Amino acid sequence: MTKGESVVQALKAALAAGVPDAKVKRADGWPTRLDGGRMILIFEDRDTDPDEMLGTEGPWYVEHPIVLGLAVEAGNADARDAGFDALLAEVDAVLSADLTLGGAVFGMTYARPAIDAEAFPGSAGIKAAVLEVTVEYQSDTRL
């Protein structure tokens, strides 16, 4: 398994354990329905080239951007807002509790997400956000 894959799996496991009532999964795109409840989607940005340590053929230093899609579906705006805020607080607690993901990375940075409260066509009201997370780690290979 590549280091990048093990890092994504560590992030997914931390989110699934820390927010147990949310569906946590890797995704290629947003679903058209959530079937109620809360969801955390993991989108990877694989366009980052690792930096080589000076004078060697590795190890490689990697800044790996990962995008988390956070979404809450609820029938009314008040329930949606409260549910979304709770989800955001829980994700923040998980991420800030261990910025090294159990030693899988050197560190992690993230900032306030971009929030979208528009309804998706044909669905109940969904409040969603994109939270950009960057993890930094060292790998023995470019992958």
C-alpha atoms as a PDB file:
ATOM      1  CA  MET A   1       0.000   0.000   0.000  1.00  0.00           C
ATOM      2  CA  THR A   2       1.309   3.448  -0.865  1.00  0.00           C
ATOM      3  CA  LYS A   3       1.864   6.007   1.860  1.00  0.00           C
ATOM      4  CA  GLY A   4      -0.787   8.262   0.303  1.00  0.00           C
ATOM      5  CA  GLU A   5      -3.379   5.488   0.464  1.00  0.00           C
ATOM      6  CA  SER A   6      -2.537   4.672   4.072  1.00  0.00           C
ATOM      7  CA  VAL A   7      -2.944   8.364   4.975  1.00  0.00           C
ATOM      8  CA  VAL A   8      -6.380   8.573   3.331  1.00  0.00           C
ATOM      9  CA  GLN A   9      -7.447   5.376   5.115  1.00  0.00           C
ATOM     10  CA  ALA A  10      -6.233   6.778   8.455  1.00  0.00           C
ATOM     11  CA  LEU A  11      -8.262   9.958   7.878  1.00  0.00           C
ATOM     12  CA  LYS A  12     -11.347   7.964   6.912  1.00  0.00           C
ATOM     13  CA  ALA A  13     -11.024   5.727   9.988  1.00  0.00           C
ATOM     14  CA  ALA A  14     -10.610   8.740  12.301  1.00  0.00           C
ATOM     15  CA  LEU A  15     -13.704  10.431  10.869  1.00  0.00           C
ATOM     16  CA  ALA A  16     -15.787   7.230  10.983  1.00  0.00           C
ATOM     17  CA  ALA A  17     -14.838   6.634  14.629  1.00  0.00           C
ATOM     18  CA  GLY A  18     -15.265  10.264  15.673  1.00  0.00           C
ATOM     19  CA  VAL A  19     -18.562  10.882  13.862  1.00  0.00           C
ATOM     20  CA  PRO A  20     -20.178   7.434  14.070  1.00  0.00           C
ATOM     21  CA  ASP A  21     -23.678   8.437  12.922  1.00  0.00           C
ATOM     22  CA  ALA A  22     -22.433  10.006   9.679  1.00  0.00           C
ATOM     23  CA  LYS A  23     -21.835   8.034   6.497  1.00  0.00           C
ATOM     24  CA  VAL A  24     -18.108   8.416   5.744  1.00  0.00           C
ATOM     25  CA  LYS A  25     -16.994   7.357   2.287  1.00  0.00           C
ATOM     26  CA  ARG A  26     -14.664   8.148  -0.563  1.00  0.00           C
ATOM     27  CA  ALA A  27     -16.337   9.741  -3.513  1.00  0.00           C
ATOM     28  CA  ASP A  28     -15.965  10.834  -7.105  1.00  0.00           C
ATOM     29  CA  GLY A  29     -18.873  13.267  -6.903  1.00  0.00           C
ATOM     30  CA  TRP A  30     -21.757  14.478  -4.789  1.00  0.00           C
ATOM     31  CA  PRO A  31     -24.724  12.113  -4.449  1.00  0.00           C
ATOM     32  CA  THR A  32     -28.125  13.360  -5.544  1.00  0.00           C
ATOM     33  CA  ARG A  33     -29.712  12.035  -2.317  1.00  0.00           C
ATOM     34  CA  LEU A  34     -28.503  11.508   1.224  1.00  0.00           C
ATOM     35  CA  ASP A  35     -31.570   9.566   2.403  1.00  0.00           C
ATOM     36  CA  GLY A  36     -31.665  11.764   5.492  1.00  0.00           C
ATOM     37  CA  GLY A  37     -28.893  12.193   7.972  1.00  0.00           C
ATOM     38  CA  ARG A  38     -25.281  13.275   7.637  1.00  0.00           C
ATOM     39  CA  MET A  39     -22.490  12.427   5.255  1.00  0.00           C
ATOM     40  CA  ILE A  40     -18.748  13.021   4.975  1.00  0.00           C
ATOM     41  CA  LEU A  41     -17.278  12.478   1.517  1.00  0.00           C
ATOM     42  CA  ILE A  42     -13.542  12.230   0.910  1.00  0.00           C
ATOM     43  CA  PHE A  43     -12.319  13.662  -2.395  1.00  0.00           C
ATOM     44  CA  GLU A  44      -8.627  13.391  -3.199  1.00  0.00           C
ATOM     45  CA  ASP A  45      -6.537  15.879  -5.122  1.00  0.00           C
ATOM     46  CA  ARG A  46      -3.813  13.783  -6.693  1.00  0.00           C
ATOM     47  CA  ASP A  47      -2.156  16.605  -8.643  1.00  0.00           C
ATOM     48  CA  THR A  48       0.537  17.287  -6.049  1.00  0.00           C
ATOM     49  CA  ASP A  49       4.143  16.467  -6.892  1.00  0.00           C
ATOM     50  CA  PRO A  50       6.311  15.412  -3.952  1.00  0.00           C
ATOM     51  CA  ASP A  51       9.463  17.330  -3.087  1.00  0.00           C
ATOM     52  CA  GLU A  52      12.703  15.358  -2.973  1.00  0.00           C
ATOM     53  CA  MET A  53      14.942  15.823   0.040  1.00  0.00           C
ATOM     54  CA  LEU A  54      18.218  17.492  -1.026  1.00  0.00           C
ATOM     55  CA  GLY A  55      21.012  15.219  -2.209  1.00  0.00           C
ATOM     56  CA  THR A  56      19.069  11.969  -2.171  1.00  0.00           C
ATOM     57  CA  GLU A  57      16.744   9.791  -4.185  1.00  0.00           C
ATOM     58  CA  GLY A  58      14.205  10.135  -1.424  1.00  0.00           C
ATOM     59  CA  PRO A  59      12.696  10.160   1.019  1.00  0.00           C
ATOM     60  CA  TRP A  60       9.982  12.351  -0.491  1.00  0.00           C
ATOM     61  CA  TYR A  61       8.157  15.131   1.308  1.00  0.00           C
ATOM     62  CA  VAL A  62       4.500  15.322   0.297  1.00  0.00           C
ATOM     63  CA  GLU A  63       1.825  17.957   0.856  1.00  0.00           C
ATOM     64  CA  HIS A  64      -1.338  16.008   0.051  1.00  0.00           C
ATOM     65  CA  PRO A  65      -4.538  18.038  -0.348  1.00  0.00           C
ATOM     66  CA  ILE A  66      -7.728  16.180   0.550  1.00  0.00           C
ATOM     67  CA  VAL A  67     -11.179  17.711   0.261  1.00  0.00           C
ATOM     68  CA  LEU A  68     -13.924  16.718   2.678  1.00  0.00           C
ATOM     69  CA  GLY A  69     -17.496  17.190   1.562  1.00  0.00           C
ATOM     70  CA  LEU A  70     -19.782  17.644   4.568  1.00  0.00           C
ATOM     71  CA  ALA A  71     -23.536  17.407   4.093  1.00  0.00           C
ATOM     72  CA  VAL A  72     -26.671  17.327   6.222  1.00  0.00           C
ATOM     73  CA  GLU A  73     -30.160  16.665   4.950  1.00  0.00           C
ATOM     74  CA  ALA A  74     -33.161  17.752   6.999  1.00  0.00           C
ATOM     75  CA  GLY A  75     -36.725  18.827   6.315  1.00  0.00           C
ATOM     76  CA  ASN A  76     -36.549  22.348   7.675  1.00  0.00           C
ATOM     77  CA  ALA A  77     -33.901  25.047   7.732  1.00  0.00           C
ATOM     78  CA  ASP A  78     -33.534  25.187  11.527  1.00  0.00           C
ATOM     79  CA  ALA A  79     -32.912  21.442  11.802  1.00  0.00           C
ATOM     80  CA  ARG A  80     -30.520  21.617   8.841  1.00  0.00           C
ATOM     81  CA  ASP A  81     -28.549  24.498  10.353  1.00  0.00           C
ATOM     82  CA  ALA A  82     -28.322  22.844  13.769  1.00  0.00           C
ATOM     83  CA  GLY A  83     -27.386  19.471  12.290  1.00  0.00           C
ATOM     84  CA  PHE A  84     -24.765  21.001  10.030  1.00  0.00           C
ATOM     85  CA  ASP A  85     -23.206  23.011  12.844  1.00  0.00           C
ATOM     86  CA  ALA A  86     -23.047  19.868  15.002  1.00  0.00           C
ATOM     87  CA  LEU A  87     -21.395  17.936  12.144  1.00  0.00           C
ATOM     88  CA  LEU A  88     -18.890  20.720  11.576  1.00  0.00           C
ATOM     89  CA  ALA A  89     -18.017  20.810  15.296  1.00  0.00           C
ATOM     90  CA  GLU A  90     -17.573  17.023  15.405  1.00  0.00           C
ATOM     91  CA  VAL A  91     -15.309  16.997  12.338  1.00  0.00           C
ATOM     92  CA  ASP A  92     -13.256  19.836  13.837  1.00  0.00           C
ATOM     93  CA  ALA A  93     -12.935  17.888  17.098  1.00  0.00           C
ATOM     94  CA  VAL A  94     -11.743  14.765  15.244  1.00  0.00           C
ATOM     95  CA  LEU A  95      -9.205  16.644  13.125  1.00  0.00           C
ATOM     96  CA  SER A  96      -7.839  18.845  15.916  1.00  0.00           C
ATOM     97  CA  ALA A  97      -7.620  15.953  18.418  1.00  0.00           C
ATOM     98  CA  ASP A  98      -4.785  14.313  16.482  1.00  0.00           C
ATOM     99  CA  LEU A  99      -3.147  16.442  13.793  1.00  0.00           C
ATOM    100  CA  THR A 100      -0.793  13.540  12.979  1.00  0.00           C
ATOM    101  CA  LEU A 101      -3.533  10.928  12.378  1.00  0.00           C
ATOM    102  CA  GLY A 102      -1.891   8.534  14.791  1.00  0.00           C
ATOM    103  CA  GLY A 103       1.577   9.246  13.410  1.00  0.00           C
ATOM    104  CA  ALA A 104       0.588   8.689   9.759  1.00  0.00           C
ATOM    105  CA  VAL A 105       1.474  12.314   8.897  1.00  0.00           C
ATOM    106  CA  PHE A 106       3.724  15.087  10.207  1.00  0.00           C
ATOM    107  CA  GLY A 107       0.792  17.442  10.451  1.00  0.00           C
ATOM    108  CA  MET A 108      -2.467  18.654   9.027  1.00  0.00           C
ATOM    109  CA  THR A 109      -3.937  22.058   8.262  1.00  0.00           C
ATOM    110  CA  TYR A 110      -7.482  23.114   7.468  1.00  0.00           C
ATOM    111  CA  ALA A 111      -9.602  26.236   7.642  1.00  0.00           C
ATOM    112  CA  ARG A 112     -13.246  27.261   7.737  1.00  0.00           C
ATOM    113  CA  PRO A 113     -15.187  25.523   4.954  1.00  0.00           C
ATOM    114  CA  ALA A 114     -17.030  27.022   2.013  1.00  0.00           C
ATOM    115  CA  ILE A 115     -20.729  26.477   2.835  1.00  0.00           C
ATOM    116  CA  ASP A 116     -23.551  25.961   0.327  1.00  0.00           C
ATOM    117  CA  ALA A 117     -27.121  25.955   1.616  1.00  0.00           C
ATOM    118  CA  GLU A 118     -28.836  25.482  -1.736  1.00  0.00           C
ATOM    119  CA  ALA A 119     -31.094  22.522  -2.251  1.00  0.00           C
ATOM    120  CA  PHE A 120     -30.091  19.884  -4.772  1.00  0.00           C
ATOM    121  CA  PRO A 121     -32.743  19.310  -7.465  1.00  0.00           C
ATOM    122  CA  GLY A 122     -35.261  16.644  -6.452  1.00  0.00           C
ATOM    123  CA  SER A 123     -34.049  16.348  -2.866  1.00  0.00           C
ATOM    124  CA  ALA A 124     -34.998  17.541   0.555  1.00  0.00           C
ATOM    125  CA  GLY A 125     -33.052  20.515   1.856  1.00  0.00           C
ATOM    126  CA  ILE A 126     -29.340  19.851   2.105  1.00  0.00           C
ATOM    127  CA  LYS A 127     -26.715  22.047   3.675  1.00  0.00           C
ATOM    128  CA  ALA A 128     -23.243  21.182   2.445  1.00  0.00           C
ATOM    129  CA  ALA A 129     -19.693  22.436   2.674  1.00  0.00           C
ATOM    130  CA  VAL A 130     -16.285  21.774   1.232  1.00  0.00           C
ATOM    131  CA  LEU A 131     -13.501  21.591   3.799  1.00  0.00           C
ATOM    132  CA  GLU A 132      -9.975  21.610   2.388  1.00  0.00           C
ATOM    133  CA  VAL A 133      -7.481  19.613   4.437  1.00  0.00           C
ATOM    134  CA  THR A 134      -3.767  19.361   3.664  1.00  0.00           C
ATOM    135  CA  VAL A 135      -1.721  16.582   5.230  1.00  0.00           C
ATOM    136  CA  GLU A 136       2.076  16.520   5.163  1.00  0.00           C
ATOM    137  CA  TYR A 137       4.090  13.339   5.304  1.00  0.00           C
ATOM    138  CA  GLN A 138       7.270  11.640   4.216  1.00  0.00           C
ATOM    139  CA  SER A 139       7.333   8.696   1.808  1.00  0.00           C
ATOM    140  CA  ASP A 140      10.100   6.392   0.628  1.00  0.00           C
ATOM    141  CA  THR A 141       8.741   6.626  -2.923  1.00  0.00           C
ATOM    142  CA  ARG A 142       7.118   9.297  -5.089  1.00  0.00           C
ATOM    143  CA  LEU A 143       3.800   7.461  -4.720  1.00  0.00           C
END
